[in-house]
Amino acid sequence: MRSLWAVIRRDDGSAPAEFVMVGALLTVVTLSVVQLALALHIRNTVLDAASEGARFAALADNGLPDGATRARDLITVALGRGYASNVTASYGWYLGHRAAIVTVRTPLPLVGLVGIDGGLEVSGHASVETLD
């Protein structure tokens, strides 16, 4: 009976097994952080483009189509055409002021650049200038 316990308590070969388990865990954590960083980069880029499009549409000599086109062009240059396919612009009220609102619906990347289509929606707002 004593020899069975001696065999069970031996730790020969445990270092390679531990290395594989810890290495796999660290790889999953690292890839998850990289994926989160990619998703946040895409969100921030699209949000900045929507805000810039709203500011452009709110200028006195521009209109909603100009703002939507500006946002679409910025997204296309930064991320690609697939992320700029659903850009809309409208007038509305934001914080009690008449505002140009540019809304972008884009894929939310879950694995690399592949993800849920329309999973991310951001809006940019800007007060409308008038010549009055």
C-alpha atoms as a PDB file:
ATOM      1  CA  MET A   1       0.000   0.000   0.000  1.00  0.00           C
ATOM      2  CA  ARG A   2       2.877   2.315   0.759  1.00  0.00           C
ATOM      3  CA  SER A   3       4.321   1.935  -2.718  1.00  0.00           C
ATOM      4  CA  LEU A   4       1.024   2.997  -4.327  1.00  0.00           C
ATOM      5  CA  TRP A   5       1.071   6.283  -2.391  1.00  0.00           C
ATOM      6  CA  ALA A   6       4.703   6.818  -3.370  1.00  0.00           C
ATOM      7  CA  VAL A   7       3.803   6.392  -7.037  1.00  0.00           C
ATOM      8  CA  ILE A   8       0.824   8.762  -6.766  1.00  0.00           C
ATOM      9  CA  ARG A   9       2.852  11.495  -5.026  1.00  0.00           C
ATOM     10  CA  ARG A  10       5.686  11.530  -7.542  1.00  0.00           C
ATOM     11  CA  ASP A  11       5.871  14.698  -9.610  1.00  0.00           C
ATOM     12  CA  ASP A  12       7.994  13.475 -12.493  1.00  0.00           C
ATOM     13  CA  GLY A  13       6.837  15.064 -15.740  1.00  0.00           C
ATOM     14  CA  SER A  14       4.673  17.723 -14.107  1.00  0.00           C
ATOM     15  CA  ALA A  15       6.712  20.682 -15.441  1.00  0.00           C
ATOM     16  CA  PRO A  16       5.831  20.096 -19.121  1.00  0.00           C
ATOM     17  CA  ALA A  17       2.158  19.631 -18.239  1.00  0.00           C
ATOM     18  CA  GLU A  18       2.138  22.838 -16.176  1.00  0.00           C
ATOM     19  CA  PHE A  19       3.904  24.701 -18.980  1.00  0.00           C
ATOM     20  CA  VAL A  20       1.271  23.643 -21.510  1.00  0.00           C
ATOM     21  CA  MET A  21      -1.633  24.580 -19.214  1.00  0.00           C
ATOM     22  CA  VAL A  22      -0.204  27.966 -18.212  1.00  0.00           C
ATOM     23  CA  GLY A  23       0.869  28.702 -21.799  1.00  0.00           C
ATOM     24  CA  ALA A  24      -2.615  27.962 -23.131  1.00  0.00           C
ATOM     25  CA  LEU A  25      -4.205  30.166 -20.473  1.00  0.00           C
ATOM     26  CA  LEU A  26      -1.833  33.054 -21.175  1.00  0.00           C
ATOM     27  CA  THR A  27      -2.441  32.720 -24.915  1.00  0.00           C
ATOM     28  CA  VAL A  28      -6.213  32.936 -24.442  1.00  0.00           C
ATOM     29  CA  VAL A  29      -5.882  35.964 -22.140  1.00  0.00           C
ATOM     30  CA  THR A  30      -3.512  37.736 -24.560  1.00  0.00           C
ATOM     31  CA  LEU A  31      -5.746  37.133 -27.575  1.00  0.00           C
ATOM     32  CA  SER A  32      -8.774  38.331 -25.608  1.00  0.00           C
ATOM     33  CA  VAL A  33      -7.015  41.586 -24.725  1.00  0.00           C
ATOM     34  CA  VAL A  34      -5.963  42.099 -28.348  1.00  0.00           C
ATOM     35  CA  GLN A  35      -9.559  41.481 -29.507  1.00  0.00           C
ATOM     36  CA  LEU A  36     -10.903  43.957 -26.947  1.00  0.00           C
ATOM     37  CA  ALA A  37      -8.369  46.544 -28.101  1.00  0.00           C
ATOM     38  CA  LEU A  38      -9.437  46.005 -31.728  1.00  0.00           C
ATOM     39  CA  ALA A  39     -13.123  46.400 -30.851  1.00  0.00           C
ATOM     40  CA  LEU A  40     -12.427  49.591 -28.897  1.00  0.00           C
ATOM     41  CA  HIS A  41     -10.298  50.962 -31.739  1.00  0.00           C
ATOM     42  CA  ILE A  42     -13.120  50.368 -34.213  1.00  0.00           C
ATOM     43  CA  ARG A  43     -15.686  51.909 -31.855  1.00  0.00           C
ATOM     44  CA  ASN A  44     -13.568  55.013 -31.230  1.00  0.00           C
ATOM     45  CA  THR A  45     -12.776  55.451 -34.922  1.00  0.00           C
ATOM     46  CA  VAL A  46     -16.431  55.142 -35.954  1.00  0.00           C
ATOM     47  CA  LEU A  47     -17.555  57.464 -33.136  1.00  0.00           C
ATOM     48  CA  ASP A  48     -15.001  60.076 -34.175  1.00  0.00           C
ATOM     49  CA  ALA A  49     -16.122  59.828 -37.808  1.00  0.00           C
ATOM     50  CA  ALA A  50     -19.791  60.193 -36.789  1.00  0.00           C
ATOM     51  CA  SER A  51     -18.979  63.259 -34.691  1.00  0.00           C
ATOM     52  CA  GLU A  52     -16.943  64.800 -37.496  1.00  0.00           C
ATOM     53  CA  GLY A  53     -19.776  64.109 -39.943  1.00  0.00           C
ATOM     54  CA  ALA A  54     -22.271  65.778 -37.591  1.00  0.00           C
ATOM     55  CA  ARG A  55     -20.018  68.838 -37.214  1.00  0.00           C
ATOM     56  CA  PHE A  56     -19.639  69.001 -40.985  1.00  0.00           C
ATOM     57  CA  ALA A  57     -23.412  68.704 -41.524  1.00  0.00           C
ATOM     58  CA  ALA A  58     -24.088  71.394 -38.904  1.00  0.00           C
ATOM     59  CA  LEU A  59     -22.129  74.071 -40.751  1.00  0.00           C
ATOM     60  CA  ALA A  60     -24.277  76.829 -42.231  1.00  0.00           C
ATOM     61  CA  ASP A  61     -23.360  76.072 -45.854  1.00  0.00           C
ATOM     62  CA  ASN A  62     -23.599  72.242 -45.610  1.00  0.00           C
ATOM     63  CA  GLY A  63     -26.457  69.792 -45.274  1.00  0.00           C
ATOM     64  CA  LEU A  64     -27.182  66.304 -44.018  1.00  0.00           C
ATOM     65  CA  PRO A  65     -25.930  64.503 -47.147  1.00  0.00           C
ATOM     66  CA  ASP A  66     -22.602  66.318 -46.793  1.00  0.00           C
ATOM     67  CA  GLY A  67     -22.234  65.123 -43.204  1.00  0.00           C
ATOM     68  CA  ALA A  68     -23.126  61.525 -44.027  1.00  0.00           C
ATOM     69  CA  THR A  69     -20.694  61.517 -46.942  1.00  0.00           C
ATOM     70  CA  ARG A  70     -17.940  62.982 -44.750  1.00  0.00           C
ATOM     71  CA  ALA A  71     -18.453  60.302 -42.078  1.00  0.00           C
ATOM     72  CA  ARG A  72     -18.614  57.543 -44.705  1.00  0.00           C
ATOM     73  CA  ASP A  73     -15.371  58.750 -46.320  1.00  0.00           C
ATOM     74  CA  LEU A  74     -13.533  58.902 -42.985  1.00  0.00           C
ATOM     75  CA  ILE A  75     -14.630  55.397 -42.009  1.00  0.00           C
ATOM     76  CA  THR A  76     -13.744  53.999 -45.432  1.00  0.00           C
ATOM     77  CA  VAL A  77     -10.221  55.429 -45.256  1.00  0.00           C
ATOM     78  CA  ALA A  78      -9.615  54.303 -41.657  1.00  0.00           C
ATOM     79  CA  LEU A  79     -11.334  50.908 -41.510  1.00  0.00           C
ATOM     80  CA  GLY A  80     -12.595  49.888 -44.928  1.00  0.00           C
ATOM     81  CA  ARG A  81     -15.747  50.000 -47.011  1.00  0.00           C
ATOM     82  CA  GLY A  82     -17.513  47.255 -45.032  1.00  0.00           C
ATOM     83  CA  TYR A  83     -17.684  49.441 -41.935  1.00  0.00           C
ATOM     84  CA  ALA A  84     -19.141  52.460 -43.751  1.00  0.00           C
ATOM     85  CA  SER A  85     -22.171  50.871 -45.382  1.00  0.00           C
ATOM     86  CA  ASN A  86     -24.842  52.099 -42.945  1.00  0.00           C
ATOM     87  CA  VAL A  87     -24.469  55.833 -42.249  1.00  0.00           C
ATOM     88  CA  THR A  88     -27.548  58.038 -41.738  1.00  0.00           C
ATOM     89  CA  ALA A  89     -27.956  61.707 -40.928  1.00  0.00           C
ATOM     90  CA  SER A  90     -30.934  63.613 -39.556  1.00  0.00           C
ATOM     91  CA  TYR A  91     -31.891  66.768 -37.730  1.00  0.00           C
ATOM     92  CA  GLY A  92     -33.178  66.568 -34.201  1.00  0.00           C
ATOM     93  CA  TRP A  93     -32.803  68.033 -30.736  1.00  0.00           C
ATOM     94  CA  TYR A  94     -29.877  67.349 -28.446  1.00  0.00           C
ATOM     95  CA  LEU A  95     -29.591  68.934 -24.977  1.00  0.00           C
ATOM     96  CA  GLY A  96     -32.241  71.490 -25.903  1.00  0.00           C
ATOM     97  CA  HIS A  97     -30.616  72.668 -29.142  1.00  0.00           C
ATOM     98  CA  ARG A  98     -31.352  71.881 -32.766  1.00  0.00           C
ATOM     99  CA  ALA A  99     -28.672  69.444 -33.835  1.00  0.00           C
ATOM    100  CA  ALA A 100     -27.376  67.474 -36.776  1.00  0.00           C
ATOM    101  CA  ILE A 101     -27.191  63.805 -35.803  1.00  0.00           C
ATOM    102  CA  VAL A 102     -25.083  61.323 -37.760  1.00  0.00           C
ATOM    103  CA  THR A 103     -25.683  57.675 -36.832  1.00  0.00           C
ATOM    104  CA  VAL A 104     -23.388  54.840 -37.904  1.00  0.00           C
ATOM    105  CA  ARG A 105     -24.291  51.153 -37.614  1.00  0.00           C
ATOM    106  CA  THR A 106     -21.308  48.913 -38.184  1.00  0.00           C
ATOM    107  CA  PRO A 107     -20.162  45.347 -37.458  1.00  0.00           C
ATOM    108  CA  LEU A 108     -18.941  44.614 -33.937  1.00  0.00           C
ATOM    109  CA  PRO A 109     -15.809  42.460 -34.318  1.00  0.00           C
ATOM    110  CA  LEU A 110     -15.824  39.327 -32.167  1.00  0.00           C
ATOM    111  CA  VAL A 111     -13.110  37.192 -33.780  1.00  0.00           C
ATOM    112  CA  GLY A 112     -10.575  39.257 -35.667  1.00  0.00           C
ATOM    113  CA  LEU A 113     -12.558  41.567 -37.944  1.00  0.00           C
ATOM    114  CA  VAL A 114     -15.481  39.133 -38.251  1.00  0.00           C
ATOM    115  CA  GLY A 115     -18.457  39.827 -36.053  1.00  0.00           C
ATOM    116  CA  ILE A 116     -22.083  40.738 -35.639  1.00  0.00           C
ATOM    117  CA  ASP A 117     -23.341  42.868 -38.529  1.00  0.00           C
ATOM    118  CA  GLY A 118     -24.950  46.044 -37.148  1.00  0.00           C
ATOM    119  CA  GLY A 119     -23.846  45.133 -33.621  1.00  0.00           C
ATOM    120  CA  LEU A 120     -22.302  48.534 -32.967  1.00  0.00           C
ATOM    121  CA  GLU A 121     -24.289  51.762 -33.246  1.00  0.00           C
ATOM    122  CA  VAL A 122     -22.859  55.195 -32.468  1.00  0.00           C
ATOM    123  CA  SER A 123     -24.177  58.727 -33.001  1.00  0.00           C
ATOM    124  CA  GLY A 124     -22.456  62.044 -33.311  1.00  0.00           C
ATOM    125  CA  HIS A 125     -24.259  65.312 -32.468  1.00  0.00           C
ATOM    126  CA  ALA A 126     -23.498  68.923 -33.330  1.00  0.00           C
ATOM    127  CA  SER A 127     -25.465  72.135 -32.885  1.00  0.00           C
ATOM    128  CA  VAL A 128     -26.733  73.495 -36.194  1.00  0.00           C
ATOM    129  CA  GLU A 129     -25.326  76.859 -37.256  1.00  0.00           C
ATOM    130  CA  THR A 130     -27.691  79.464 -38.634  1.00  0.00           C
ATOM    131  CA  LEU A 131     -27.050  82.710 -40.470  1.00  0.00           C
ATOM    132  CA  ASP A 132     -29.803  84.604 -38.608  1.00  0.00           C
END
